[in-house]
């Protein structure tokens, strides 16, 4: 386990010194981006829900893929379908040199004082989530990305699984027409078959499923703030 962690730390360190790259979907390189891909089964019924990752400055994707495991450069559940590039200017943790930051400025923890680059923040987020249990309902890929955005203080912070999902759904850019088809076609097939064989009963059960799923995250995020980890 230690050798695996050491190897990941080495990859992170090597990536930090790499020059910035242009977005290159063929090589799965999305510098300073949030990336999204549909989840099997779940996205077929709820198309706006999917798997998220966040990328280093050299474009390598990091995603929380399972218990105590952050996947590096091997995006879980398939190729990126949508992305949103983040501006450094909107990350308050990077906006000023450390000697300009007041001693009484509020930080999430002492380690944040050492953040000087985008990759510094992501490396600390990766190290933290390598010790987190994974749960679709309480600590998932959205939690990992939100944690990193809050560490970077992107748009002053306050990111959670709900507003992050809304952000990528509203502002995310499609990689290509093929990615649209890959993401939307399964839903069209499922809903077409469901309506053909189940009619209004199918729609009722899907509506209940969506209501319960979305309701869980809304309640867990805004009513019981310790329920969903960040």
Protein backbone atom coordinates (compact mmCIF):
# COMPACT_ATOMS: atom_id res chain seq x y z
CA UNK A 1 0.00 0.00 0.00
CA UNK A 2 2.86 2.38 0.88
CA UNK A 3 4.60 1.75 -2.44
CA UNK A 4 1.35 2.47 -4.28
CA UNK A 5 0.95 5.77 -2.42
CA UNK A 6 4.59 6.66 -3.07
CA UNK A 7 4.11 6.02 -6.78
CA UNK A 8 1.07 8.28 -6.85
CA UNK A 9 2.97 11.03 -4.99
CA UNK A 10 5.75 10.74 -7.58
CA UNK A 11 3.27 11.12 -10.45
CA UNK A 12 1.77 14.18 -8.75
CA UNK A 13 5.22 15.72 -8.25
CA UNK A 14 6.24 15.08 -11.84
CA UNK A 15 3.01 16.60 -13.12
CA UNK A 16 3.50 19.77 -11.09
CA UNK A 17 6.58 20.70 -13.10
CA UNK A 18 5.04 19.93 -16.48
CA UNK A 19 4.14 22.83 -18.78
CA UNK A 20 0.52 23.77 -19.25
CA UNK A 21 -1.16 21.96 -22.12
CA UNK A 22 -4.12 22.76 -24.33
CA UNK A 23 -7.28 20.74 -23.89
CA UNK A 24 -6.76 17.51 -25.82
CA UNK A 25 -9.67 15.03 -25.53
CA UNK A 26 -7.83 12.39 -27.60
CA UNK A 27 -5.11 12.22 -24.94
CA UNK A 28 -7.59 12.83 -22.07
CA UNK A 29 -5.86 16.07 -21.11
CA UNK A 30 -8.03 18.81 -19.60
CA UNK A 31 -5.83 21.38 -17.80
CA UNK A 32 -7.50 22.92 -14.71
CA UNK A 33 -10.88 21.45 -15.58
CA UNK A 34 -13.75 19.75 -13.85
CA UNK A 35 -14.67 16.75 -16.01
CA UNK A 36 -17.84 14.66 -16.20
CA UNK A 37 -18.87 11.33 -17.70
CA UNK A 38 -22.19 9.44 -17.43
CA UNK A 39 -22.58 6.66 -14.89
CA UNK A 40 -23.93 3.29 -16.07
CA UNK A 41 -27.57 2.72 -15.09
CA UNK A 42 -27.94 5.83 -12.90
CA UNK A 43 -27.35 8.32 -15.72
CA UNK A 44 -29.71 6.35 -17.96
CA UNK A 45 -32.57 7.27 -15.64
CA UNK A 46 -31.21 10.59 -14.32
CA UNK A 47 -29.19 12.13 -17.18
CA UNK A 48 -27.92 15.09 -15.15
CA UNK A 49 -26.11 12.82 -12.66
CA UNK A 50 -22.69 11.44 -13.55
CA UNK A 51 -19.12 10.85 -12.40
CA UNK A 52 -16.84 13.84 -11.73
CA UNK A 53 -13.11 14.39 -11.68
CA UNK A 54 -10.76 17.36 -11.44
CA UNK A 55 -7.59 17.86 -13.47
CA UNK A 56 -4.09 19.03 -12.72
CA UNK A 57 -2.46 21.87 -14.59
CA UNK A 58 -0.92 19.40 -17.04
CA UNK A 59 -4.41 18.04 -17.78
CA UNK A 60 -4.14 14.69 -15.96
CA UNK A 61 -7.48 13.63 -14.45
CA UNK A 62 -7.88 12.81 -10.75
CA UNK A 63 -11.08 11.16 -9.53
CA UNK A 64 -12.23 9.57 -6.30
CA UNK A 65 -13.02 6.08 -7.58
CA UNK A 66 -13.39 3.89 -4.50
CA UNK A 67 -12.52 3.43 -0.81
CA UNK A 68 -9.16 5.04 -0.03
CA UNK A 69 -8.41 5.36 -3.73
CA UNK A 70 -7.98 8.40 -5.99
CA UNK A 71 -7.50 7.32 -9.58
CA UNK A 72 -4.79 9.19 -11.52
CA UNK A 73 -4.84 9.46 -15.32
CA UNK A 74 -7.43 6.72 -15.80
CA UNK A 75 -10.87 8.31 -15.58
CA UNK A 76 -13.34 5.84 -14.14
CA UNK A 77 -16.48 4.96 -16.15
CA UNK A 78 -15.13 6.01 -19.54
CA UNK A 79 -13.95 9.00 -21.54
CA UNK A 80 -14.78 12.56 -20.56
CA UNK A 81 -18.07 13.78 -22.03
CA UNK A 82 -18.26 17.29 -20.56
CA UNK A 83 -15.74 19.67 -19.03
CA UNK A 84 -15.50 23.10 -17.45
CA UNK A 85 -12.18 24.91 -17.31
CA UNK A 86 -11.50 26.88 -14.14
CA UNK A 87 -9.78 30.26 -14.18
CA UNK A 88 -6.93 30.73 -11.72
CA UNK A 89 -8.05 34.32 -11.21
CA UNK A 90 -11.23 33.01 -9.56
CA UNK A 91 -9.29 30.87 -7.08
CA UNK A 92 -8.71 33.15 -4.09
CA UNK A 93 -6.19 30.79 -2.50
CA UNK A 94 -3.88 31.43 -5.45
CA UNK A 95 -4.63 35.10 -6.02
CA UNK A 96 -2.01 36.59 -3.68
CA UNK A 97 1.52 35.63 -2.66
CA UNK A 98 1.61 34.02 0.79
CA UNK A 99 3.40 37.01 2.40
CA UNK A 100 0.40 39.22 1.55
CA UNK A 101 -2.05 36.96 3.39
CA UNK A 102 -2.94 38.22 6.86
CA UNK A 103 -2.25 35.98 9.84
CA UNK A 104 -5.87 36.10 10.97
CA UNK A 105 -7.30 35.09 7.58
CA UNK A 106 -9.66 32.14 7.95
CA UNK A 107 -8.44 28.90 6.34
CA UNK A 108 -10.02 25.48 6.49
CA UNK A 109 -6.87 24.07 8.11
CA UNK A 110 -3.25 24.89 8.71
CA UNK A 111 -2.10 22.98 5.61
CA UNK A 112 -3.87 25.45 3.32
CA UNK A 113 -1.24 28.06 4.20
CA UNK A 114 1.21 26.00 2.13
CA UNK A 115 -0.88 26.14 -1.07
CA UNK A 116 0.88 28.20 -3.72
CA UNK A 117 -0.20 26.44 -6.92
CA UNK A 118 -3.24 24.65 -8.33
CA UNK A 119 -1.42 21.31 -8.14
CA UNK A 120 -0.53 21.90 -4.47
CA UNK A 121 -4.23 22.01 -3.64
CA UNK A 122 -5.03 18.90 -5.66
CA UNK A 123 -2.17 16.97 -4.13
CA UNK A 124 -3.44 17.75 -0.63
CA UNK A 125 -6.97 16.79 -1.65
CA UNK A 126 -5.69 13.52 -3.08
CA UNK A 127 -3.73 12.71 0.06
CA UNK A 128 -6.82 13.39 2.18
CA UNK A 129 -9.18 11.26 0.11
CA UNK A 130 -6.74 8.35 0.04
CA UNK A 131 -7.93 7.87 3.62
CA UNK A 132 -11.67 8.26 3.00
CA UNK A 133 -14.26 5.53 2.70
CA UNK A 134 -16.38 5.72 -0.45
CA UNK A 135 -20.16 5.89 -0.46
CA UNK A 136 -22.43 6.91 -3.32
CA UNK A 137 -24.70 8.67 -0.84
CA UNK A 138 -22.33 10.28 1.67
CA UNK A 139 -18.80 10.55 0.24
CA UNK A 140 -18.41 10.30 -3.52
CA UNK A 141 -16.63 11.78 -6.52
CA UNK A 142 -18.58 15.05 -6.17
CA UNK A 143 -17.35 15.34 -2.56
CA UNK A 144 -13.74 15.02 -3.75
CA UNK A 145 -14.07 17.71 -6.43
CA UNK A 146 -15.97 20.06 -4.08
CA UNK A 147 -13.26 19.57 -1.45
CA UNK A 148 -10.57 20.65 -3.92
CA UNK A 149 -12.55 23.67 -5.14
CA UNK A 150 -13.08 24.79 -1.55
CA UNK A 151 -9.36 24.30 -0.85
CA UNK A 152 -8.64 26.54 -3.85
CA UNK A 153 -11.38 28.92 -2.64
CA UNK A 154 -12.82 28.96 -6.16
CA UNK A 155 -15.40 31.76 -6.32
CA UNK A 156 -14.90 32.18 -2.54
CA UNK A 157 -15.70 28.51 -1.81
CA UNK A 158 -18.91 27.04 -0.44
CA UNK A 159 -19.02 24.18 -2.95
CA UNK A 160 -20.99 21.02 -2.25
CA UNK A 161 -22.35 18.05 -4.20
CA UNK A 162 -25.54 19.91 -5.19
CA UNK A 163 -24.25 23.23 -6.51
CA UNK A 164 -21.29 21.44 -8.13
CA UNK A 165 -23.63 19.12 -10.06
CA UNK A 166 -25.67 22.16 -11.12
CA UNK A 167 -22.51 24.01 -12.21
CA UNK A 168 -21.28 21.27 -14.56
CA UNK A 169 -24.80 20.61 -15.87
CA UNK A 170 -25.43 24.27 -16.73
CA UNK A 171 -21.97 25.48 -17.77
CA UNK A 172 -20.15 22.31 -18.79
CA UNK A 173 -19.08 22.07 -22.44
CA UNK A 174 -19.54 18.91 -24.46
CA UNK A 175 -16.33 17.38 -25.73
CA UNK A 176 -17.88 16.41 -29.09
CA UNK A 177 -21.11 15.41 -30.80
CA UNK A 178 -20.17 11.80 -30.19
CA UNK A 179 -20.01 12.45 -26.44
CA UNK A 180 -23.52 13.91 -26.56
CA UNK A 181 -24.79 10.78 -28.30
CA UNK A 182 -22.96 8.51 -25.85
CA UNK A 183 -24.47 10.36 -22.90
CA UNK A 184 -28.01 10.92 -24.14
CA UNK A 185 -28.77 7.87 -26.29
CA UNK A 186 -29.05 5.33 -23.41
CA UNK A 187 -31.60 7.59 -21.69
CA UNK A 188 -33.62 7.94 -24.87
CA UNK A 189 -33.67 4.15 -25.28
CA UNK A 190 -34.59 3.50 -21.64
CA UNK A 191 -37.34 6.12 -21.59
CA UNK A 192 -38.63 5.03 -24.99
CA UNK A 193 -38.90 1.40 -23.91
CA UNK A 194 -40.29 2.40 -20.54
CA UNK A 195 -43.05 4.48 -22.09
CA UNK A 196 -43.80 1.80 -24.68
CA UNK A 197 -44.21 -1.00 -22.13
CA UNK A 198 -45.01 0.85 -18.91
CA UNK A 199 -46.58 4.12 -19.93
CA UNK A 200 -47.51 6.47 -17.10
CA UNK A 201 -46.62 3.83 -14.49
CA UNK A 202 -43.01 3.86 -15.68
CA UNK A 203 -42.90 7.67 -15.50
CA UNK A 204 -44.36 7.62 -12.00
CA UNK A 205 -41.71 5.22 -10.69
CA UNK A 206 -38.90 7.17 -12.37
CA UNK A 207 -40.23 10.41 -10.90
CA UNK A 208 -40.28 8.84 -7.42
CA UNK A 209 -36.71 7.57 -7.89
CA UNK A 210 -35.48 11.01 -9.00
CA UNK A 211 -37.36 12.74 -6.17
CA UNK A 212 -35.83 10.45 -3.53
CA UNK A 213 -32.33 10.63 -4.97
CA UNK A 214 -32.26 14.41 -5.43
CA UNK A 215 -34.09 14.90 -2.15
CA UNK A 216 -31.45 12.89 -0.28
CA UNK A 217 -28.66 15.14 -1.50
CA UNK A 218 -30.62 18.34 -0.92
CA UNK A 219 -31.52 17.35 2.64
CA UNK A 220 -28.07 15.91 3.34
CA UNK A 221 -26.37 19.04 2.04
CA UNK A 222 -28.51 21.84 3.39
CA UNK A 223 -30.32 20.34 6.42
CA UNK A 224 -27.82 17.87 7.89
CA UNK A 225 -24.47 19.31 6.86
CA UNK A 226 -22.35 16.54 8.40
CA UNK A 227 -24.24 13.83 6.52
CA UNK A 228 -22.49 14.32 3.17
CA UNK A 229 -18.73 14.66 3.51
CA UNK A 230 -16.60 17.22 1.71
